[in-house]
Protein backbone atom coordinates (compact mmCIF):
# COMPACT_ATOMS: atom_id res chain seq x y z
CA MET A 1 22.30 25.41 -10.76
CA THR A 2 24.81 26.94 -8.39
CA ALA A 3 28.43 27.40 -9.42
CA PRO A 4 30.38 24.13 -9.73
CA HIS A 5 32.65 23.06 -6.89
CA HIS A 6 35.55 22.28 -9.23
CA PRO A 7 36.87 25.11 -11.43
CA HIS A 8 37.28 22.81 -14.44
CA LYS A 9 33.87 21.13 -14.23
CA GLY A 10 32.64 22.64 -17.49
CA PRO A 11 28.98 23.34 -18.19
CA PHE A 12 26.25 21.48 -16.36
CA LEU A 13 24.21 19.34 -18.74
CA ARG A 14 21.02 21.27 -18.08
CA ALA A 15 22.70 24.46 -19.34
CA LEU A 16 23.73 23.00 -22.71
CA ARG A 17 21.98 24.24 -25.85
CA PRO A 18 22.18 23.18 -29.53
CA GLY A 19 25.32 24.55 -31.14
CA ASP A 20 27.35 24.69 -27.91
CA HIS A 21 30.95 23.47 -28.13
CA PHE A 22 32.28 22.50 -24.72
CA THR A 23 34.65 20.48 -22.57
CA GLY A 24 33.42 19.12 -19.26
CA PHE A 25 33.36 16.28 -16.75
CA TYR A 26 30.45 13.86 -16.39
CA ILE A 27 29.51 10.43 -15.05
CA LEU A 28 28.94 7.52 -17.45
CA ARG A 29 25.51 6.07 -16.62
CA SER A 30 25.23 3.61 -19.52
CA LYS A 31 26.93 2.61 -22.77
CA GLN A 32 25.67 0.65 -25.76
CA LEU A 33 26.98 -0.20 -29.22
CA GLU A 34 24.35 0.24 -31.94
CA PRO A 35 24.52 -0.60 -35.66
CA PHE A 36 24.56 2.05 -38.35
CA ARG A 37 21.81 1.80 -40.95
CA ASP A 38 24.57 0.91 -43.36
CA PRO A 39 25.92 -2.40 -41.95
CA GLY A 40 29.23 -1.78 -43.65
CA ARG A 41 29.94 1.12 -41.30
CA GLY A 42 29.90 -1.10 -38.22
CA ARG A 43 28.53 0.27 -34.93
CA PHE A 44 28.44 3.60 -33.13
CA LEU A 45 28.55 4.12 -29.37
CA THR A 46 25.66 5.61 -27.39
CA LEU A 47 26.41 6.97 -23.91
CA ILE A 48 24.18 8.36 -21.19
CA LEU A 49 26.08 11.06 -19.31
CA SER A 50 25.00 12.68 -16.06
CA ASP A 51 25.96 15.32 -13.54
CA ALA A 52 24.22 17.09 -10.68
CA SER A 53 21.83 18.81 -13.09
CA GLY A 54 20.50 15.74 -14.91
CA GLN A 55 21.49 13.47 -17.77
CA MET A 56 21.85 13.55 -21.55
CA ARG A 57 22.41 11.15 -24.43
CA ALA A 58 25.75 11.30 -26.25
CA ARG A 59 26.93 9.63 -29.47
CA VAL A 60 30.40 8.61 -30.52
CA TRP A 61 30.08 8.25 -34.29
CA GLU A 62 33.68 7.29 -35.02
CA GLY A 63 35.81 4.79 -33.12
CA GLY A 64 32.97 3.78 -30.84
CA GLU A 65 33.74 0.07 -30.93
CA ASP A 66 37.32 0.70 -29.77
CA LEU A 67 36.17 3.00 -26.95
CA TYR A 68 33.47 0.69 -25.62
CA GLY A 69 35.81 -1.54 -23.62
CA LEU A 70 37.86 1.40 -22.30
CA LEU A 71 35.02 3.29 -20.61
CA GLU A 72 33.76 1.92 -17.29
CA LEU A 73 30.21 2.45 -16.07
CA ARG A 74 29.83 4.92 -13.17
CA SER A 75 33.25 6.38 -13.87
CA ALA A 76 33.90 10.08 -14.41
CA LEU A 77 34.74 11.08 -17.99
CA LYS A 78 36.29 14.13 -19.56
CA VAL A 79 34.23 14.90 -22.65
CA GLN A 80 34.81 17.29 -25.54
CA GLY A 81 31.86 17.68 -27.84
CA GLU A 82 29.13 19.65 -29.50
CA VAL A 83 25.42 19.80 -28.70
CA GLU A 84 23.18 18.93 -31.63
CA GLU A 85 19.47 18.39 -32.16
CA TYR A 86 18.30 15.04 -33.49
CA LEU A 87 14.64 14.00 -33.89
CA ASP A 88 13.54 16.98 -31.76
CA ARG A 89 15.86 15.95 -28.92
CA ILE A 90 19.20 17.44 -28.04
CA GLN A 91 22.19 15.16 -27.70
CA ILE A 92 25.96 15.42 -27.54
CA ARG A 93 28.20 14.61 -30.46
CA VAL A 94 31.41 13.43 -28.81
CA PHE A 95 34.71 14.39 -30.42
CA ASN A 96 37.04 13.21 -27.64
CA VAL A 97 36.48 11.31 -24.41
CA ARG A 98 38.67 9.73 -21.76
CA THR A 99 38.47 8.57 -18.15
CA ALA A 100 38.96 11.50 -15.77
CA LYS A 101 41.62 11.61 -13.09
CA SER A 102 40.36 11.94 -9.50
CA ARG A 103 41.86 15.41 -9.07
CA GLU A 104 40.11 16.73 -12.17
CA TYR A 105 36.57 16.73 -10.78
CA ASP A 106 34.56 17.09 -7.58
CA ARG A 107 31.94 14.40 -7.03
CA ARG A 108 29.60 17.03 -5.56
CA ASP A 109 29.23 18.33 -9.13
CA MET A 110 28.33 14.88 -10.37
CA LEU A 111 25.37 13.90 -8.19
CA PRO A 112 22.21 15.89 -7.48
CA SER A 113 21.82 16.87 -3.82
CA SER A 114 19.06 18.08 -1.57
CA GLU A 115 18.65 21.85 -1.67
CA ARG A 116 18.21 21.84 2.08
CA SER A 117 21.05 22.30 4.58
CA ARG A 118 22.24 19.00 6.01
CA THR A 119 22.91 20.64 9.39
CA GLU A 120 19.42 22.12 9.56
CA MET A 121 17.81 18.84 8.53
CA LEU A 122 19.70 16.89 11.21
CA ALA A 123 18.60 19.42 13.84
CA GLU A 124 15.00 19.04 12.67
CA LEU A 125 15.34 15.25 12.81
CA GLN A 126 16.54 15.45 16.40
CA ASN A 127 13.55 17.61 17.33
CA HIS A 128 11.23 14.90 16.04
CA ILE A 129 13.15 12.20 17.90
CA GLU A 130 12.75 14.17 21.13
CA LYS A 131 8.96 13.81 20.83
CA ILE A 132 9.25 10.04 21.37
CA SER A 133 8.91 9.22 25.07
CA HIS A 134 8.01 5.53 24.95
CA PRO A 135 10.44 3.62 27.23
CA HIS A 136 11.24 1.00 24.58
CA LEU A 137 10.76 2.82 21.26
CA ARG A 138 13.01 5.74 22.21
CA PRO A 139 16.05 3.53 22.98
CA LEU A 140 15.45 1.72 19.68
CA VAL A 141 15.46 4.98 17.73
CA ASP A 142 18.55 6.14 19.63
CA HIS A 143 20.28 2.86 18.76
CA PHE A 144 20.30 4.03 15.14
CA PHE A 145 20.33 7.81 15.29
CA SER A 146 22.86 8.24 18.07
CA ASN A 147 25.37 6.20 16.08
CA GLU A 148 27.70 8.54 14.19
CA ASP A 149 28.34 6.13 11.33
CA THR A 150 24.63 5.43 10.84
CA ILE A 151 23.56 9.07 10.95
CA SER A 152 26.36 9.99 8.53
CA GLU A 153 25.17 7.40 6.01
CA PHE A 154 21.50 8.21 6.63
CA SER A 155 22.03 11.91 6.01
CA ARG A 156 23.84 11.35 2.70
CA ALA A 157 21.86 8.44 1.25
CA PRO A 158 19.34 8.92 -1.56
CA ALA A 159 15.78 7.71 -1.01
CA ALA A 160 15.64 6.08 -4.44
CA ARG A 161 17.69 5.58 -7.58
CA GLN A 162 15.42 7.62 -9.83
CA VAL A 163 11.76 7.75 -8.76
CA HIS A 164 11.57 10.10 -5.74
CA HIS A 165 14.11 11.97 -3.60
CA ALA A 166 16.75 10.45 -5.89
CA TYR A 167 19.61 12.64 -4.76
CA ILE A 168 22.21 12.94 -2.02
CA GLY A 169 20.42 13.75 1.23
CA GLY A 170 17.14 12.54 -0.25
CA LEU A 171 16.53 9.90 2.42
CA LEU A 172 16.84 12.42 5.25
CA GLU A 173 14.67 14.95 3.43
CA HIS A 174 12.03 12.30 2.65
CA THR A 175 11.94 11.15 6.27
CA LEU A 176 11.48 14.71 7.56
CA GLU A 177 8.61 15.32 5.17
CA LEU A 178 6.86 12.18 6.41
CA LEU A 179 7.44 13.13 10.04
CA ALA A 180 5.83 16.53 9.40
CA ILE A 181 2.81 14.90 7.72
CA GLY A 182 2.69 12.34 10.52
CA GLU A 183 2.23 15.04 13.18
CA THR A 184 -0.94 16.19 11.44
CA VAL A 185 -2.18 12.62 11.11
CA ILE A 186 -1.61 12.10 14.84
CA GLN A 187 -3.70 15.19 15.62
CA VAL A 188 -6.56 14.15 13.32
CA TYR A 189 -6.54 10.49 14.41
CA PRO A 190 -5.78 10.36 18.16
CA GLN A 191 -6.55 6.62 18.21
CA ILE A 192 -3.20 6.03 16.46
CA ASN A 193 -0.25 5.20 18.70
CA ALA A 194 1.75 8.39 18.15
CA ASP A 195 5.16 7.13 19.27
CA LEU A 196 4.79 3.93 17.27
CA LEU A 197 3.96 5.91 14.13
CA ARG A 198 6.88 8.28 14.69
CA CYS A 199 9.22 5.34 15.20
CA GLY A 200 7.88 3.61 12.09
CA ILE A 201 8.46 6.72 9.98
CA LEU A 202 12.01 7.12 11.27
CA LEU A 203 12.92 3.49 10.58
CA HIS A 204 10.78 2.57 7.55
CA ASP A 205 13.61 3.24 5.08
CA ILE A 206 16.62 2.55 7.31
CA GLY A 207 17.60 -0.31 4.99
CA LYS A 208 18.38 2.19 2.23
CA VAL A 209 21.71 3.02 3.86
CA ARG A 210 22.74 -0.45 2.66
CA GLU A 211 20.52 -0.78 -0.41
CA PHE A 212 22.24 2.00 -2.35
CA THR A 213 25.74 3.16 -3.24
CA TRP A 214 26.39 6.78 -4.12
CA GLU A 215 30.06 7.46 -4.65
CA THR A 216 29.95 8.65 -8.26
CA ASP A 217 26.46 7.49 -9.23
CA ILE A 218 23.35 6.34 -7.40
CA ASP A 219 23.08 2.60 -7.86
CA TYR A 220 22.10 -0.55 -6.02
CA SER A 221 24.54 -2.48 -3.90
CA ASP A 222 24.68 -6.24 -4.39
CA GLU A 223 22.74 -6.62 -1.14
CA GLY A 224 20.21 -4.06 -2.33
CA ARG A 225 19.56 -5.89 -5.58
CA LEU A 226 19.25 -9.26 -3.87
CA PHE A 227 17.03 -8.26 -0.94
CA GLY A 228 15.81 -4.66 -1.18
CA HIS A 229 15.58 -2.10 1.60
CA ILE A 230 12.43 -3.52 3.22
CA ILE A 231 14.04 -6.89 3.99
CA ILE A 232 17.36 -5.26 4.91
CA GLY A 233 15.60 -2.79 7.20
CA ASP A 234 13.62 -5.52 8.95
CA GLU A 235 16.86 -7.40 9.56
CA MET A 236 18.50 -4.27 11.00
CA VAL A 237 15.55 -3.43 13.26
CA ASN A 238 15.10 -7.01 14.43
CA ALA A 239 18.78 -7.21 15.37
CA ALA A 240 18.52 -3.93 17.29
CA VAL A 241 15.39 -5.10 19.12
CA LYS A 242 17.17 -8.27 20.25
CA ALA A 243 20.08 -6.19 21.53
CA LEU A 244 17.80 -4.12 23.80
CA ASP A 245 16.88 -5.63 27.16
CA GLY A 246 13.22 -6.31 27.72
CA PHE A 247 11.84 -5.06 24.42
CA PRO A 248 8.21 -6.32 24.33
CA THR A 249 7.58 -9.04 21.78
CA GLU A 250 4.15 -7.68 20.84
CA LEU A 251 5.54 -4.19 20.26
CA ALA A 252 8.30 -5.61 18.05
CA LEU A 253 5.70 -7.47 15.98
CA GLN A 254 3.66 -4.30 15.48
CA LEU A 255 6.67 -2.24 14.44
CA ARG A 256 8.13 -4.87 12.12
CA HIS A 257 4.75 -5.32 10.44
CA MET A 258 4.63 -1.57 9.75
CA LEU A 259 8.04 -1.67 8.10
CA LEU A 260 7.26 -4.79 6.06
CA ALA A 261 3.92 -3.34 4.89
CA HIS A 262 4.85 0.28 4.22
CA HIS A 263 4.76 -0.07 0.41
CA GLY A 264 1.17 -1.22 0.74
CA ARG A 265 0.92 -3.74 -2.09
CA HIS A 266 2.75 -6.90 -3.10
CA GLU A 267 3.27 -5.54 -6.63
CA TRP A 268 5.00 -2.50 -5.13
CA GLY A 269 7.52 -4.70 -3.33
CA SER A 270 5.72 -4.97 0.01
CA PRO A 271 6.00 -8.43 1.63
CA ARG A 272 2.78 -7.75 3.58
CA ARG A 273 -0.26 -5.50 3.15
CA PRO A 274 -1.11 -3.14 6.04
CA GLN A 275 -3.11 -4.84 8.81
CA SER A 276 -3.05 -2.26 11.60
CA LEU A 277 -3.92 1.41 12.11
CA GLU A 278 -0.29 2.43 12.33
CA ALA A 279 0.65 0.35 9.28
CA ILE A 280 -2.00 1.88 7.02
CA ALA A 281 -1.15 5.35 8.32
CA LEU A 282 2.55 4.83 7.57
CA HIS A 283 1.82 3.48 4.09
CA SER A 284 -0.49 6.39 3.25
CA ILE A 285 1.94 9.01 4.55
CA GLU A 286 4.88 7.40 2.74
CA ASN A 287 3.01 7.17 -0.54
CA LEU A 288 1.91 10.81 -0.35
CA GLY A 289 5.44 12.04 0.34
CA ALA A 290 7.00 9.91 -2.38
CA GLN A 291 4.44 10.73 -5.09
CA VAL A 292 4.38 14.49 -4.49
CA ASN A 293 8.17 14.61 -4.72
CA ARG A 294 8.06 12.37 -7.79
CA PHE A 295 5.65 14.72 -9.57
CA HIS A 296 7.70 17.75 -8.49
CA LEU A 297 10.93 16.33 -9.93
CA ILE A 298 9.23 15.61 -13.27
CA LEU A 299 7.52 19.00 -13.47
CA ASN A 300 10.74 20.77 -12.54
CA LYS A 301 12.17 19.60 -15.88
CA VAL A 302 9.40 21.21 -17.94
CA PRO A 303 11.03 23.94 -20.11
CA PRO A 304 9.93 27.55 -19.47
CA GLY A 305 6.81 28.43 -21.43
CA GLU A 306 5.64 24.83 -21.79
CA HIS A 307 2.74 23.37 -19.83
CA TRP A 308 3.25 19.62 -20.13
CA SER A 309 6.03 17.30 -19.10
CA ALA A 310 7.53 14.68 -21.35
CA TYR A 311 5.68 11.36 -21.26
CA ASP A 312 6.67 9.46 -18.14
CA ARG A 313 6.84 5.76 -18.91
CA LEU A 314 6.44 4.57 -15.32
CA LEU A 315 3.45 6.81 -14.63
CA ALA A 316 2.10 6.20 -18.15
CA ARG A 317 1.04 9.84 -18.54
CA HIS A 318 2.12 13.41 -19.14
CA LEU A 319 1.99 15.79 -16.17
CA TYR A 320 0.51 19.29 -16.32
CA SER A 321 2.50 22.31 -15.18
CA SER A 322 0.47 25.45 -14.52
CA PRO A 323 1.57 28.34 -16.77
CA ASP A 324 1.45 30.62 -13.73
CA PRO A 325 1.76 28.63 -10.50
CA ASP A 326 1.71 31.81 -8.39
CA LEU A 327 -1.76 32.75 -9.60
CA ASN A 328 -4.35 31.74 -7.01
CA ILE A 329 -8.04 30.98 -7.54
CA GLU A 330 -9.20 34.46 -6.54
CA GLU A 331 -6.81 36.14 -8.99
CA ARG A 332 -7.92 33.80 -11.80
CA THR A 333 -11.56 34.70 -11.13
CA ILE A 334 -10.83 38.43 -11.27
CA GLN A 335 -8.93 38.12 -14.55
CA GLU A 336 -11.68 36.05 -16.11
């Protein structure tokens, strides 16, 4: 991790080790009262704390029931505690905790962010937009990406809450990765409508600017929980299409189908399955970009010297991390 933005941030969670005593500022992701084994002792409080480096479990062994109602989810907390190891997992034993004042922390320390420069990514995005020459698709793209409010939200939004590109700037980074993959797909499969695919990639996740909130924690908005980004995005694109003079009905149908089908399967939240060349191309590109980033984020948490990730419940497997990722096939052959 880089140095914190606020001088009083305290240690990032990823840097904590058993035996550390510390004071720092963190976001409250969840809270739960749990019973002691001895019922006469009442209940203790379990917290999940997070910052830009990750998250960690914390326990309040004494006074937890009184604290429960005072601590608000997604609020910043000032925590004094000690790191301990319990059942082969490290956790925080909380001695003191209170709600932080706004001047005591910088939210940039609290949420993970893309490692890429926002300015450079926006310039790259514009270069991809310039490749679109279609007389109707280009004005549609400009309707969104020439709007300062939209581009500001788009460049800061996460692409997901926790699965892939789940950090500030993740949506922009994810879109750029898909656009880069898309250029290769266009070269290999010239029968694909290049501008339609580019437009579909640019707009496939546009609904995420309204699906998520990301002030102190990445979470779903009420609209996001009720409808999801696919439905929200279709509504946004359909409204933009109607606002543009002479946009062809058939072209609108093709584009909207791509957006509605880009998750590929009903069980993955897709209202429709792909039924066109551009739709299956978009789905395949999107799935590749999302899954590679998902694996990378999991493997990036593997401790030095270990070769396997923790069991991932959603993937239902452990992931393998090469002990020497810089060693290529030729070098392995020589050493063997």
